[in-house]
Amino acid sequence: MQRYQDRVDAGRELARRLTEYANRPNVLVLALPRGGVPVAYEVARALRAPLDVFVVRKLGVPGHEELAMGAIASGGMRVLNADVLRMLDIPPEVVDAVAARERRELERRERVYRDDRPPPGVRGRTVILIDDGLATGATMRAAVAALRAHDPARIVVAAPVASPDTCADLGREVDEIICAETPDPFYGVGWWYEHFEQTMDAEVHELLARANTNHYSRQA
């Protein structure tokens, strides 16, 4: 595949794969920050749909933080990996301590990103979850599990580029998955972007504010 120029380019390409969801009043686009937000902004703009973030924080095993024992997500959801907890005999108080620390960071990000606006309701809506790419899919999988508890009508996962195996595996857990490109070998998400600089909090805030203003202007 040809590399995307940047996340804006990737978002515009992804939007072309999602045109069937354009102009539907029950569609909500949720981005996984931070890298998923510039991608999702282009999708939401093309579909004329509202945009928000769905913040997910991994709960890493103390001393081995790369290993996830669970995750927390927007809306107060907590998803735990029972196999990891059992295998490592991790007591509940350790889980609670890690979750409390990650909850503070999650709440900080939500305040910064949406200026204390409450999260949007998802019950009965078609939710399109977007990230800038799917490598292992662990964060997206946690987001899907947490979102499912809020009873959306339909969950669609969309990404500009994904590992073929991850795309196939995640596709069995959601109503629909759109992986615009699934190169093999995969190498990693950043490999498929000419420019893959870190997305900063200020950019996330600006894009969400702009999307919120633009959407309600269109609705008027």
N, C-alpha and C. Protein backbone atom coordinates (compact mmCIF):
# COMPACT_ATOMS: atom_id res chain seq x y z
N MET A 1 0.83 -1.20 0.00
CA MET A 1 0.00 0.00 0.00
C MET A 1 0.87 1.25 0.00
N GLN A 2 0.34 2.33 -0.52
CA GLN A 2 1.01 3.62 -0.45
C GLN A 2 0.79 4.23 0.92
N ARG A 3 1.82 4.82 1.49
CA ARG A 3 1.70 5.41 2.81
C ARG A 3 0.76 6.62 2.80
N TYR A 4 0.06 6.80 3.93
CA TYR A 4 -0.73 8.02 4.10
C TYR A 4 0.23 9.18 4.33
N GLN A 5 -0.17 10.35 3.87
CA GLN A 5 0.65 11.53 4.11
C GLN A 5 0.68 11.86 5.60
N ASP A 6 -0.49 11.86 6.24
CA ASP A 6 -0.62 12.14 7.66
C ASP A 6 -1.99 11.67 8.11
N ARG A 7 -2.38 11.98 9.34
CA ARG A 7 -3.67 11.50 9.86
C ARG A 7 -4.86 12.15 9.15
N VAL A 8 -4.68 13.38 8.68
CA VAL A 8 -5.76 14.03 7.93
C VAL A 8 -6.02 13.26 6.63
N ASP A 9 -4.97 12.94 5.91
CA ASP A 9 -5.07 12.16 4.69
C ASP A 9 -5.74 10.81 4.98
N ALA A 10 -5.31 10.17 6.07
CA ALA A 10 -5.88 8.87 6.44
C ALA A 10 -7.36 8.99 6.78
N GLY A 11 -7.73 10.06 7.47
CA GLY A 11 -9.13 10.26 7.83
C GLY A 11 -10.02 10.44 6.62
N ARG A 12 -9.52 11.18 5.64
CA ARG A 12 -10.31 11.40 4.44
C ARG A 12 -10.50 10.11 3.65
N GLU A 13 -9.46 9.28 3.61
CA GLU A 13 -9.60 7.99 2.94
C GLU A 13 -10.57 7.08 3.69
N LEU A 14 -10.46 7.08 5.02
CA LEU A 14 -11.36 6.25 5.81
C LEU A 14 -12.81 6.70 5.64
N ALA A 15 -13.03 7.99 5.56
CA ALA A 15 -14.38 8.52 5.38
C ALA A 15 -15.02 7.98 4.12
N ARG A 16 -14.21 7.78 3.08
CA ARG A 16 -14.75 7.26 1.82
C ARG A 16 -15.25 5.83 1.98
N ARG A 17 -14.73 5.12 2.98
CA ARG A 17 -15.19 3.74 3.23
C ARG A 17 -16.43 3.69 4.12
N LEU A 18 -16.85 4.85 4.62
CA LEU A 18 -17.95 4.90 5.58
C LEU A 18 -19.13 5.73 5.09
N THR A 19 -19.20 5.96 3.82
CA THR A 19 -20.23 6.87 3.29
C THR A 19 -21.66 6.39 3.56
N GLU A 20 -21.85 5.09 3.75
CA GLU A 20 -23.21 4.60 4.03
C GLU A 20 -23.76 5.16 5.34
N TYR A 21 -22.89 5.68 6.20
CA TYR A 21 -23.33 6.22 7.48
C TYR A 21 -23.53 7.74 7.45
N ALA A 22 -23.39 8.34 6.29
CA ALA A 22 -23.52 9.79 6.19
C ALA A 22 -24.97 10.24 6.40
N ASN A 23 -25.09 11.38 7.09
CA ASN A 23 -26.39 12.04 7.28
C ASN A 23 -27.41 11.19 8.03
N ARG A 24 -26.94 10.29 8.86
CA ARG A 24 -27.85 9.50 9.70
C ARG A 24 -27.92 10.15 11.08
N PRO A 25 -29.09 10.48 11.57
CA PRO A 25 -29.20 11.22 12.83
C PRO A 25 -28.75 10.44 14.06
N ASN A 26 -28.71 9.09 13.97
CA ASN A 26 -28.35 8.32 15.16
C ASN A 26 -26.88 7.91 15.18
N VAL A 27 -26.07 8.42 14.25
CA VAL A 27 -24.65 8.04 14.18
C VAL A 27 -23.82 8.97 15.07
N LEU A 28 -22.90 8.38 15.81
CA LEU A 28 -21.96 9.11 16.66
C LEU A 28 -20.57 8.60 16.37
N VAL A 29 -19.62 9.51 16.11
CA VAL A 29 -18.23 9.14 15.89
C VAL A 29 -17.46 9.37 17.18
N LEU A 30 -16.80 8.33 17.66
CA LEU A 30 -15.98 8.42 18.87
C LEU A 30 -14.54 8.08 18.52
N ALA A 31 -13.62 8.96 18.90
CA ALA A 31 -12.20 8.76 18.62
C ALA A 31 -11.48 8.28 19.87
N LEU A 32 -10.49 7.41 19.66
CA LEU A 32 -9.60 7.04 20.76
C LEU A 32 -8.44 8.04 20.75
N PRO A 33 -8.35 8.88 21.80
CA PRO A 33 -7.27 9.87 21.81
C PRO A 33 -5.94 9.19 22.17
N ARG A 34 -4.86 9.82 21.71
CA ARG A 34 -4.95 11.10 21.04
C ARG A 34 -4.89 10.96 19.51
N GLY A 35 -4.15 9.97 19.02
CA GLY A 35 -3.92 9.86 17.59
C GLY A 35 -5.16 9.63 16.75
N GLY A 36 -6.20 9.07 17.35
CA GLY A 36 -7.40 8.81 16.58
C GLY A 36 -8.24 10.03 16.30
N VAL A 37 -7.98 11.13 17.01
CA VAL A 37 -8.86 12.31 16.89
C VAL A 37 -8.72 13.01 15.54
N PRO A 38 -7.51 13.29 15.03
CA PRO A 38 -7.44 13.92 13.70
C PRO A 38 -8.07 13.06 12.61
N VAL A 39 -7.94 11.75 12.73
CA VAL A 39 -8.56 10.84 11.76
C VAL A 39 -10.08 10.94 11.86
N ALA A 40 -10.58 10.84 13.08
CA ALA A 40 -12.02 10.84 13.31
C ALA A 40 -12.66 12.18 12.95
N TYR A 41 -11.91 13.26 13.11
CA TYR A 41 -12.44 14.57 12.76
C TYR A 41 -12.83 14.62 11.29
N GLU A 42 -11.96 14.09 10.44
CA GLU A 42 -12.25 14.09 9.00
C GLU A 42 -13.44 13.20 8.68
N VAL A 43 -13.55 12.08 9.39
CA VAL A 43 -14.69 11.18 9.18
C VAL A 43 -15.99 11.85 9.60
N ALA A 44 -15.99 12.43 10.80
CA ALA A 44 -17.20 13.08 11.31
C ALA A 44 -17.64 14.22 10.40
N ARG A 45 -16.68 14.97 9.90
CA ARG A 45 -17.01 16.09 9.01
C ARG A 45 -17.65 15.57 7.71
N ALA A 46 -17.08 14.50 7.16
CA ALA A 46 -17.61 13.96 5.91
C ALA A 46 -18.99 13.33 6.10
N LEU A 47 -19.20 12.70 7.25
CA LEU A 47 -20.48 12.03 7.50
C LEU A 47 -21.53 12.98 8.06
N ARG A 48 -21.11 14.19 8.40
CA ARG A 48 -22.00 15.17 9.05
C ARG A 48 -22.56 14.57 10.34
N ALA A 49 -21.65 14.06 11.15
CA ALA A 49 -22.00 13.40 12.41
C ALA A 49 -21.27 14.07 13.56
N PRO A 50 -21.82 14.00 14.78
CA PRO A 50 -21.13 14.55 15.94
C PRO A 50 -19.88 13.74 16.27
N LEU A 51 -18.91 14.42 16.85
CA LEU A 51 -17.62 13.80 17.22
C LEU A 51 -17.36 14.00 18.70
N ASP A 52 -16.87 12.94 19.34
CA ASP A 52 -16.41 13.05 20.72
C ASP A 52 -15.28 12.04 20.90
N VAL A 53 -14.72 12.01 22.11
CA VAL A 53 -13.66 11.06 22.41
C VAL A 53 -14.17 9.98 23.35
N PHE A 54 -13.56 8.82 23.25
CA PHE A 54 -13.81 7.74 24.20
C PHE A 54 -12.45 7.39 24.78
N VAL A 55 -12.20 7.90 25.99
CA VAL A 55 -10.87 7.78 26.59
C VAL A 55 -10.74 6.40 27.25
N VAL A 56 -9.68 5.70 26.92
CA VAL A 56 -9.39 4.39 27.49
C VAL A 56 -7.99 4.43 28.09
N ARG A 57 -7.85 3.91 29.30
CA ARG A 57 -6.55 3.82 29.95
C ARG A 57 -6.30 2.37 30.35
N LYS A 58 -5.17 1.87 29.90
CA LYS A 58 -4.79 0.49 30.24
C LYS A 58 -4.42 0.41 31.72
N LEU A 59 -4.79 -0.69 32.36
CA LEU A 59 -4.35 -0.98 33.73
C LEU A 59 -3.19 -1.96 33.64
N GLY A 60 -1.97 -1.42 33.74
CA GLY A 60 -0.80 -2.27 33.62
C GLY A 60 -0.45 -2.97 34.92
N VAL A 61 0.06 -4.18 34.82
CA VAL A 61 0.51 -4.91 36.00
C VAL A 61 1.71 -4.19 36.61
N PRO A 62 1.68 -3.85 37.90
CA PRO A 62 2.80 -3.15 38.52
C PRO A 62 4.13 -3.88 38.30
N GLY A 63 5.10 -3.14 37.78
CA GLY A 63 6.40 -3.73 37.48
C GLY A 63 6.48 -4.30 36.09
N HIS A 64 5.34 -4.53 35.48
CA HIS A 64 5.27 -5.05 34.10
C HIS A 64 4.13 -4.32 33.40
N GLU A 65 4.26 -3.00 33.31
CA GLU A 65 3.15 -2.16 32.88
C GLU A 65 2.69 -2.44 31.45
N GLU A 66 3.57 -3.07 30.64
CA GLU A 66 3.16 -3.37 29.28
C GLU A 66 2.11 -4.48 29.24
N LEU A 67 2.00 -5.24 30.32
CA LEU A 67 1.00 -6.32 30.40
C LEU A 67 -0.28 -5.77 31.02
N ALA A 68 -1.35 -5.84 30.28
CA ALA A 68 -2.62 -5.27 30.73
C ALA A 68 -3.39 -6.27 31.59
N MET A 69 -3.77 -5.82 32.79
CA MET A 69 -4.66 -6.64 33.62
C MET A 69 -6.10 -6.14 33.50
N GLY A 70 -6.28 -5.11 32.67
CA GLY A 70 -7.61 -4.57 32.45
C GLY A 70 -7.51 -3.18 31.86
N ALA A 71 -8.63 -2.48 31.85
CA ALA A 71 -8.66 -1.13 31.32
C ALA A 71 -9.85 -0.40 31.92
N ILE A 72 -9.75 0.93 31.94
CA ILE A 72 -10.88 1.75 32.32
C ILE A 72 -11.20 2.66 31.14
N ALA A 73 -12.44 3.12 31.08
CA ALA A 73 -12.87 3.90 29.92
C ALA A 73 -13.85 4.97 30.35
N SER A 74 -14.09 5.91 29.44
CA SER A 74 -15.07 6.97 29.66
C SER A 74 -16.39 6.40 30.14
N GLY A 75 -17.04 7.14 31.03
CA GLY A 75 -18.34 6.71 31.53
C GLY A 75 -18.26 5.84 32.76
N GLY A 76 -17.05 5.71 33.36
CA GLY A 76 -16.91 4.96 34.59
C GLY A 76 -16.79 3.45 34.42
N MET A 77 -16.53 3.00 33.20
CA MET A 77 -16.44 1.56 32.95
C MET A 77 -15.06 1.02 33.31
N ARG A 78 -15.06 -0.21 33.85
CA ARG A 78 -13.81 -0.92 34.12
C ARG A 78 -13.93 -2.34 33.61
N VAL A 79 -12.97 -2.75 32.80
CA VAL A 79 -12.94 -4.10 32.23
C VAL A 79 -11.67 -4.77 32.74
N LEU A 80 -11.80 -5.96 33.31
CA LEU A 80 -10.65 -6.66 33.87
C LEU A 80 -10.36 -7.93 33.10
N ASN A 81 -9.07 -8.27 33.02
CA ASN A 81 -8.62 -9.50 32.39
C ASN A 81 -8.49 -10.56 33.46
N ALA A 82 -9.51 -11.38 33.59
CA ALA A 82 -9.57 -12.38 34.68
C ALA A 82 -8.41 -13.37 34.58
N ASP A 83 -7.98 -13.71 33.38
CA ASP A 83 -6.90 -14.69 33.22
C ASP A 83 -5.59 -14.15 33.78
N VAL A 84 -5.29 -12.87 33.49
CA VAL A 84 -4.05 -12.27 34.01
C VAL A 84 -4.12 -12.14 35.52
N LEU A 85 -5.25 -11.71 36.04
CA LEU A 85 -5.39 -11.54 37.49
C LEU A 85 -5.21 -12.88 38.21
N ARG A 86 -5.77 -13.92 37.63
CA ARG A 86 -5.68 -15.24 38.26
C ARG A 86 -4.27 -15.81 38.14
N MET A 87 -3.68 -15.68 36.95
CA MET A 87 -2.35 -16.24 36.71
C MET A 87 -1.30 -15.61 37.62
N LEU A 88 -1.39 -14.29 37.83
CA LEU A 88 -0.40 -13.57 38.63
C LEU A 88 -0.85 -13.36 40.07
N ASP A 89 -2.05 -13.85 40.40
CA ASP A 89 -2.59 -13.74 41.75
C ASP A 89 -2.54 -12.29 42.26
N ILE A 90 -3.08 -11.41 41.46
CA ILE A 90 -3.07 -9.98 41.79
C ILE A 90 -4.27 -9.67 42.69
N PRO A 91 -4.03 -9.14 43.89
CA PRO A 91 -5.14 -8.88 44.82
C PRO A 91 -5.97 -7.68 44.39
N PRO A 92 -7.22 -7.63 44.80
CA PRO A 92 -8.12 -6.53 44.40
C PRO A 92 -7.59 -5.16 44.78
N GLU A 93 -6.90 -5.03 45.93
CA GLU A 93 -6.43 -3.71 46.34
C GLU A 93 -5.36 -3.15 45.39
N VAL A 94 -4.59 -4.04 44.75
CA VAL A 94 -3.60 -3.59 43.77
C VAL A 94 -4.31 -3.08 42.52
N VAL A 95 -5.32 -3.82 42.09
CA VAL A 95 -6.11 -3.38 40.93
C VAL A 95 -6.75 -2.03 41.21
N ASP A 96 -7.29 -1.88 42.41
CA ASP A 96 -7.96 -0.63 42.77
C ASP A 96 -6.98 0.55 42.78
N ALA A 97 -5.77 0.31 43.26
CA ALA A 97 -4.77 1.38 43.33
C ALA A 97 -4.36 1.83 41.93
N VAL A 98 -4.11 0.87 41.05
CA VAL A 98 -3.73 1.20 39.68
C VAL A 98 -4.89 1.90 38.97
N ALA A 99 -6.10 1.40 39.18
CA ALA A 99 -7.28 1.99 38.54
C ALA A 99 -7.50 3.43 39.01
N ALA A 100 -7.26 3.69 40.30
CA ALA A 100 -7.44 5.04 40.82
C ALA A 100 -6.46 6.01 40.18
N ARG A 101 -5.21 5.57 40.01
CA ARG A 101 -4.20 6.43 39.37
C ARG A 101 -4.57 6.70 37.91
N GLU A 102 -4.97 5.67 37.20
CA GLU A 102 -5.32 5.85 35.79
C GLU A 102 -6.63 6.63 35.64
N ARG A 103 -7.52 6.49 36.61
CA ARG A 103 -8.77 7.26 36.57
C ARG A 103 -8.49 8.75 36.65
N ARG A 104 -7.51 9.14 37.47
CA ARG A 104 -7.16 10.56 37.58
C ARG A 104 -6.67 11.10 36.24
N GLU A 105 -5.84 10.30 35.54
CA GLU A 105 -5.35 10.74 34.23
C GLU A 105 -6.48 10.76 33.21
N LEU A 106 -7.36 9.77 33.26
CA LEU A 106 -8.51 9.75 32.35
C LEU A 106 -9.38 10.99 32.55
N GLU A 107 -9.67 11.30 33.80
CA GLU A 107 -10.51 12.47 34.09
C GLU A 107 -9.82 13.77 33.69
N ARG A 108 -8.48 13.81 33.87
CA ARG A 108 -7.74 15.01 33.44
C ARG A 108 -7.88 15.20 31.94
N ARG A 109 -7.72 14.11 31.20
CA ARG A 109 -7.82 14.21 29.74
C ARG A 109 -9.22 14.63 29.31
N GLU A 110 -10.23 14.07 29.95
CA GLU A 110 -11.59 14.43 29.56
C GLU A 110 -11.87 15.91 29.84
N ARG A 111 -11.36 16.42 30.96
CA ARG A 111 -11.54 17.85 31.25
C ARG A 111 -10.85 18.71 30.20
N VAL A 112 -9.64 18.34 29.86
CA VAL A 112 -8.87 19.11 28.88
C VAL A 112 -9.51 19.03 27.51
N TYR A 113 -9.99 17.86 27.14
CA TYR A 113 -10.49 17.66 25.79
C TYR A 113 -11.85 18.30 25.55
N ARG A 114 -12.77 18.14 26.52
CA ARG A 114 -14.14 18.58 26.21
C ARG A 114 -14.66 19.68 27.12
N ASP A 115 -13.78 20.32 27.87
CA ASP A 115 -14.20 21.46 28.70
C ASP A 115 -15.35 21.09 29.64
N ASP A 116 -15.27 19.92 30.22
CA ASP A 116 -16.27 19.46 31.20
C ASP A 116 -17.65 19.22 30.59
N ARG A 117 -17.76 19.21 29.26
CA ARG A 117 -19.02 18.78 28.67
C ARG A 117 -19.24 17.32 29.02
N PRO A 118 -20.47 16.91 29.35
CA PRO A 118 -20.71 15.51 29.68
C PRO A 118 -20.52 14.63 28.45
N PRO A 119 -20.15 13.38 28.66
CA PRO A 119 -20.00 12.48 27.51
C PRO A 119 -21.35 12.27 26.83
N PRO A 120 -21.34 12.05 25.53
CA PRO A 120 -22.60 11.87 24.81
C PRO A 120 -23.25 10.53 25.15
N GLY A 121 -24.56 10.50 25.09
CA GLY A 121 -25.26 9.24 25.28
C GLY A 121 -25.11 8.35 24.06
N VAL A 122 -24.91 7.06 24.29
CA VAL A 122 -24.72 6.13 23.17
C VAL A 122 -25.84 5.11 23.06
N ARG A 123 -26.71 5.05 24.05
CA ARG A 123 -27.76 4.04 24.04
C ARG A 123 -28.61 4.16 22.76
N GLY A 124 -28.74 3.06 22.06
CA GLY A 124 -29.56 3.01 20.87
C GLY A 124 -28.96 3.66 19.63
N ARG A 125 -27.70 4.09 19.70
CA ARG A 125 -27.08 4.78 18.56
C ARG A 125 -26.08 3.86 17.85
N THR A 126 -25.80 4.20 16.62
CA THR A 126 -24.71 3.55 15.89
C THR A 126 -23.43 4.32 16.20
N VAL A 127 -22.48 3.64 16.83
CA VAL A 127 -21.24 4.28 17.26
C VAL A 127 -20.10 3.79 16.38
N ILE A 128 -19.37 4.75 15.79
CA ILE A 128 -18.19 4.43 14.99
C ILE A 128 -16.96 4.77 15.82
N LEU A 129 -16.25 3.75 16.26
CA LEU A 129 -15.03 3.92 17.06
C LEU A 129 -13.83 3.98 16.13
N ILE A 130 -13.01 5.02 16.27
CA ILE A 130 -11.92 5.24 15.32
C ILE A 130 -10.59 5.44 16.04
N ASP A 131 -9.55 4.78 15.50
CA ASP A 131 -8.17 5.06 15.92
C ASP A 131 -7.33 5.23 14.66
N ASP A 132 -6.09 5.70 14.84
CA ASP A 132 -5.25 5.94 13.66
C ASP A 132 -4.63 4.67 13.12
N GLY A 133 -4.78 3.56 13.82
CA GLY A 133 -4.30 2.27 13.36
C GLY A 133 -4.50 1.23 14.43
N LEU A 134 -4.47 -0.03 14.02
CA LEU A 134 -4.67 -1.14 14.95
C LEU A 134 -3.50 -2.11 14.81
N ALA A 135 -2.68 -2.17 15.87
CA ALA A 135 -1.56 -3.11 15.88
C ALA A 135 -2.02 -4.38 16.61
N THR A 136 -1.95 -4.39 17.93
CA THR A 136 -2.48 -5.54 18.69
C THR A 136 -3.98 -5.42 18.89
N GLY A 137 -4.49 -4.18 18.86
CA GLY A 137 -5.93 -3.98 19.07
C GLY A 137 -6.36 -3.98 20.52
N ALA A 138 -5.40 -4.01 21.46
CA ALA A 138 -5.76 -4.14 22.88
C ALA A 138 -6.59 -2.95 23.37
N THR A 139 -6.17 -1.74 23.00
CA THR A 139 -6.90 -0.56 23.45
C THR A 139 -8.29 -0.51 22.84
N MET A 140 -8.39 -0.81 21.56
CA MET A 140 -9.70 -0.81 20.90
C MET A 140 -10.59 -1.90 21.48
N ARG A 141 -10.02 -3.04 21.80
CA ARG A 141 -10.82 -4.13 22.37
C ARG A 141 -11.39 -3.71 23.72
N ALA A 142 -10.59 -3.01 24.52
CA ALA A 142 -11.08 -2.52 25.80
C ALA A 142 -12.18 -1.49 25.60
N ALA A 143 -12.01 -0.62 24.60
CA ALA A 143 -13.03 0.39 24.31
C ALA A 143 -14.34 -0.27 23.90
N VAL A 144 -14.27 -1.29 23.08
CA VAL A 144 -15.47 -2.00 22.63
C VAL A 144 -16.19 -2.63 23.81
N ALA A 145 -15.43 -3.29 24.68
CA ALA A 145 -16.04 -3.96 25.83
C ALA A 145 -16.71 -2.95 26.76
N ALA A 146 -16.05 -1.82 26.98
CA ALA A 146 -16.62 -0.79 27.84
C ALA A 146 -17.85 -0.15 27.20
N LEU A 147 -17.77 0.11 25.92
CA LEU A 147 -18.87 0.76 25.22
C LEU A 147 -20.10 -0.15 25.17
N ARG A 148 -19.87 -1.43 25.03
CA ARG A 148 -20.97 -2.38 24.93
C ARG A 148 -21.90 -2.29 26.13
N ALA A 149 -21.34 -1.98 27.29
CA ALA A 149 -22.14 -1.90 28.51
C ALA A 149 -23.11 -0.72 28.49
N HIS A 150 -22.89 0.23 27.58
CA HIS A 150 -23.78 1.39 27.47
C HIS A 150 -24.91 1.16 26.47
N ASP A 151 -24.99 -0.04 25.92
CA ASP A 151 -26.12 -0.46 25.10
C ASP A 151 -26.30 0.33 23.81
N PRO A 152 -25.24 0.49 23.00
CA PRO A 152 -25.44 1.08 21.68
C PRO A 152 -26.18 0.10 20.78
N ALA A 153 -26.82 0.64 19.75
CA ALA A 153 -27.52 -0.24 18.80
C ALA A 153 -26.52 -1.01 17.94
N ARG A 154 -25.40 -0.38 17.63
CA ARG A 154 -24.43 -0.97 16.70
C ARG A 154 -23.06 -0.37 16.96
N ILE A 155 -22.04 -1.21 16.97
CA ILE A 155 -20.66 -0.74 17.13
C ILE A 155 -19.89 -1.04 15.85
N VAL A 156 -19.34 0.02 15.27
CA VAL A 156 -18.51 -0.10 14.08
C VAL A 156 -17.10 0.36 14.45
N VAL A 157 -16.09 -0.47 14.22
CA VAL A 157 -14.70 -0.09 14.44
C VAL A 157 -14.10 0.26 13.08
N ALA A 158 -13.37 1.38 13.02
CA ALA A 158 -12.78 1.81 11.76
C ALA A 158 -11.37 2.34 11.99
N ALA A 159 -10.46 1.96 11.10
CA ALA A 159 -9.08 2.41 11.18
C ALA A 159 -8.49 2.46 9.78
N PRO A 160 -7.59 3.42 9.53
CA PRO A 160 -6.97 3.53 8.22
C PRO A 160 -6.06 2.36 7.87
N VAL A 161 -5.42 1.78 8.89
CA VAL A 161 -4.49 0.68 8.66
C VAL A 161 -4.52 -0.25 9.87
N ALA A 162 -4.37 -1.54 9.61
CA ALA A 162 -4.44 -2.51 10.70
C ALA A 162 -3.68 -3.77 10.34
N SER A 163 -3.20 -4.44 11.36
CA SER A 163 -2.66 -5.78 11.18
C SER A 163 -3.78 -6.68 10.67
N PRO A 164 -3.52 -7.51 9.67
CA PRO A 164 -4.57 -8.38 9.15
C PRO A 164 -5.20 -9.27 10.23
N ASP A 165 -4.37 -9.84 11.10
CA ASP A 165 -4.89 -10.72 12.16
C ASP A 165 -5.76 -9.94 13.14
N THR A 166 -5.31 -8.74 13.51
CA THR A 166 -6.08 -7.94 14.45
C THR A 166 -7.42 -7.53 13.85
N CYS A 167 -7.41 -7.15 12.60
CA CYS A 167 -8.65 -6.77 11.94
C CYS A 167 -9.63 -7.94 11.92
N ALA A 168 -9.13 -9.12 11.62
CA ALA A 168 -9.99 -10.30 11.59
C ALA A 168 -10.52 -10.65 12.97
N ASP A 169 -9.65 -10.60 13.97
CA ASP A 169 -10.07 -10.95 15.33
C ASP A 169 -11.09 -9.97 15.88
N LEU A 170 -10.83 -8.67 15.72
CA LEU A 170 -11.76 -7.65 16.21
C LEU A 170 -13.09 -7.71 15.48
N GLY A 171 -13.03 -8.08 14.22
CA GLY A 171 -14.26 -8.16 13.44
C GLY A 171 -15.27 -9.13 14.00
N ARG A 172 -14.79 -10.11 14.79
CA ARG A 172 -15.69 -11.08 15.41
C ARG A 172 -16.33 -10.55 16.69
N GLU A 173 -15.85 -9.38 17.16
CA GLU A 173 -16.34 -8.83 18.42
C GLU A 173 -17.26 -7.63 18.24
N VAL A 174 -17.39 -7.13 17.01
CA VAL A 174 -18.20 -5.93 16.76
C VAL A 174 -19.18 -6.21 15.63
N ASP A 175 -20.07 -5.27 15.40
CA ASP A 175 -21.07 -5.44 14.35
C ASP A 175 -20.47 -5.27 12.96
N GLU A 176 -19.46 -4.40 12.86
CA GLU A 176 -18.78 -4.20 11.58
C GLU A 176 -17.41 -3.62 11.84
N ILE A 177 -16.46 -4.00 11.01
CA ILE A 177 -15.13 -3.42 11.12
C ILE A 177 -14.68 -2.98 9.73
N ILE A 178 -14.11 -1.77 9.68
CA ILE A 178 -13.59 -1.22 8.43
C ILE A 178 -12.10 -0.96 8.63
N CYS A 179 -11.27 -1.79 8.04
CA CYS A 179 -9.82 -1.57 8.03
C CYS A 179 -9.48 -1.19 6.60
N ALA A 180 -9.20 0.09 6.38
CA ALA A 180 -9.00 0.57 5.01
C ALA A 180 -7.85 -0.17 4.32
N GLU A 181 -6.80 -0.46 5.07
CA GLU A 181 -5.65 -1.20 4.54
C GLU A 181 -5.19 -2.21 5.58
N THR A 182 -4.84 -3.40 5.13
CA THR A 182 -4.31 -4.45 6.02
C THR A 182 -3.03 -5.03 5.41
N PRO A 183 -1.94 -4.25 5.42
CA PRO A 183 -0.71 -4.70 4.78
C PRO A 183 -0.09 -5.89 5.51
N ASP A 184 0.55 -6.75 4.77
CA ASP A 184 1.23 -7.92 5.33
C ASP A 184 2.55 -8.10 4.59
N PRO A 185 3.69 -7.93 5.26
CA PRO A 185 3.85 -7.73 6.70
C PRO A 185 3.40 -6.34 7.15
N PHE A 186 3.06 -6.24 8.44
CA PHE A 186 2.44 -5.04 8.96
C PHE A 186 3.46 -3.99 9.41
N TYR A 187 4.49 -4.40 10.11
CA TYR A 187 5.57 -3.54 10.62
C TYR A 187 5.15 -2.67 11.80
N GLY A 188 4.00 -2.05 11.79
CA GLY A 188 3.58 -1.14 12.84
C GLY A 188 2.78 0.01 12.24
N VAL A 189 1.95 0.65 13.06
CA VAL A 189 1.07 1.71 12.56
C VAL A 189 1.87 2.86 11.95
N GLY A 190 2.86 3.35 12.67
CA GLY A 190 3.61 4.52 12.22
C GLY A 190 4.33 4.33 10.89
N TRP A 191 4.64 3.09 10.55
CA TRP A 191 5.33 2.80 9.29
C TRP A 191 4.52 3.26 8.08
N TRP A 192 3.21 3.27 8.21
CA TRP A 192 2.33 3.54 7.06
C TRP A 192 1.91 5.00 6.96
N TYR A 193 2.60 5.87 7.69
CA TYR A 193 2.37 7.31 7.62
C TYR A 193 3.68 8.01 7.29
N GLU A 194 3.63 8.94 6.32
CA GLU A 194 4.82 9.75 6.05
C GLU A 194 5.13 10.65 7.24
N HIS A 195 4.09 11.20 7.84
CA HIS A 195 4.24 12.07 9.02
C HIS A 195 3.37 11.50 10.13
N PHE A 196 4.02 11.14 11.24
CA PHE A 196 3.32 10.46 12.34
C PHE A 196 3.73 11.07 13.68
N GLU A 197 3.73 12.42 13.71
CA GLU A 197 4.10 13.09 14.95
C GLU A 197 3.03 12.85 16.02
N GLN A 198 3.44 12.93 17.27
CA GLN A 198 2.51 12.74 18.37
C GLN A 198 1.43 13.81 18.35
N THR A 199 0.19 13.41 18.52
CA THR A 199 -0.92 14.35 18.64
C THR A 199 -0.94 14.90 20.07
N MET A 200 -1.00 16.21 20.20
CA MET A 200 -0.94 16.83 21.52
C MET A 200 -2.34 17.11 22.06
N ASP A 201 -2.43 17.30 23.38
CA ASP A 201 -3.72 17.59 24.02
C ASP A 201 -4.39 18.82 23.41
N ALA A 202 -3.60 19.85 23.12
CA ALA A 202 -4.18 21.08 22.58
C ALA A 202 -4.84 20.84 21.24
N GLU A 203 -4.25 19.98 20.41
CA GLU A 203 -4.85 19.68 19.10
C GLU A 203 -6.15 18.92 19.27
N VAL A 204 -6.17 17.98 20.20
CA VAL A 204 -7.41 17.23 20.47
C VAL A 204 -8.51 18.19 20.89
N HIS A 205 -8.20 19.09 21.82
CA HIS A 205 -9.18 20.06 22.30
C HIS A 205 -9.69 20.92 21.16
N GLU A 206 -8.79 21.41 20.33
CA GLU A 206 -9.17 22.29 19.22
C GLU A 206 -10.09 21.57 18.24
N LEU A 207 -9.75 20.34 17.88
CA LEU A 207 -10.55 19.60 16.91
C LEU A 207 -11.94 19.27 17.46
N LEU A 208 -12.01 18.91 18.73
CA LEU A 208 -13.32 18.62 19.33
C LEU A 208 -14.18 19.87 19.39
N ALA A 209 -13.58 20.99 19.76
CA ALA A 209 -14.34 22.25 19.83
C ALA A 209 -14.82 22.64 18.44
N ARG A 210 -13.95 22.50 17.46
CA ARG A 210 -14.32 22.85 16.09
C ARG A 210 -15.44 21.93 15.57
N ALA A 211 -15.32 20.63 15.85
CA ALA A 211 -16.34 19.69 15.40
C ALA A 211 -17.68 19.97 16.07
N ASN A 212 -17.63 20.31 17.35
CA ASN A 212 -18.87 20.58 18.09
C ASN A 212 -19.57 21.81 17.52
N THR A 213 -18.80 22.85 17.23
CA THR A 213 -19.36 24.07 16.66
C THR A 213 -19.91 23.82 15.26
N ASN A 214 -19.12 23.14 14.44
CA ASN A 214 -19.52 22.89 13.06
C ASN A 214 -20.77 22.02 12.98
N HIS A 215 -20.84 21.00 13.85
CA HIS A 215 -21.99 20.10 13.80
C HIS A 215 -23.28 20.84 14.13
N TYR A 216 -23.24 21.63 15.20
CA TYR A 216 -24.46 22.32 15.58
C TYR A 216 -24.81 23.44 14.61
N SER A 217 -23.80 23.99 13.94
CA SER A 217 -24.09 24.97 12.90
C SER A 217 -24.82 24.31 11.74
N ARG A 218 -24.39 23.09 11.38
CA ARG A 218 -25.05 22.37 10.29
C ARG A 218 -26.45 21.97 10.65
N GLN A 219 -26.69 21.69 11.97
CA GLN A 219 -28.00 21.22 12.40
C GLN A 219 -29.01 22.35 12.44
N ALA A 220 -28.52 23.59 12.54
CA ALA A 220 -29.41 24.74 12.69
C ALA A 220 -30.26 24.96 11.44
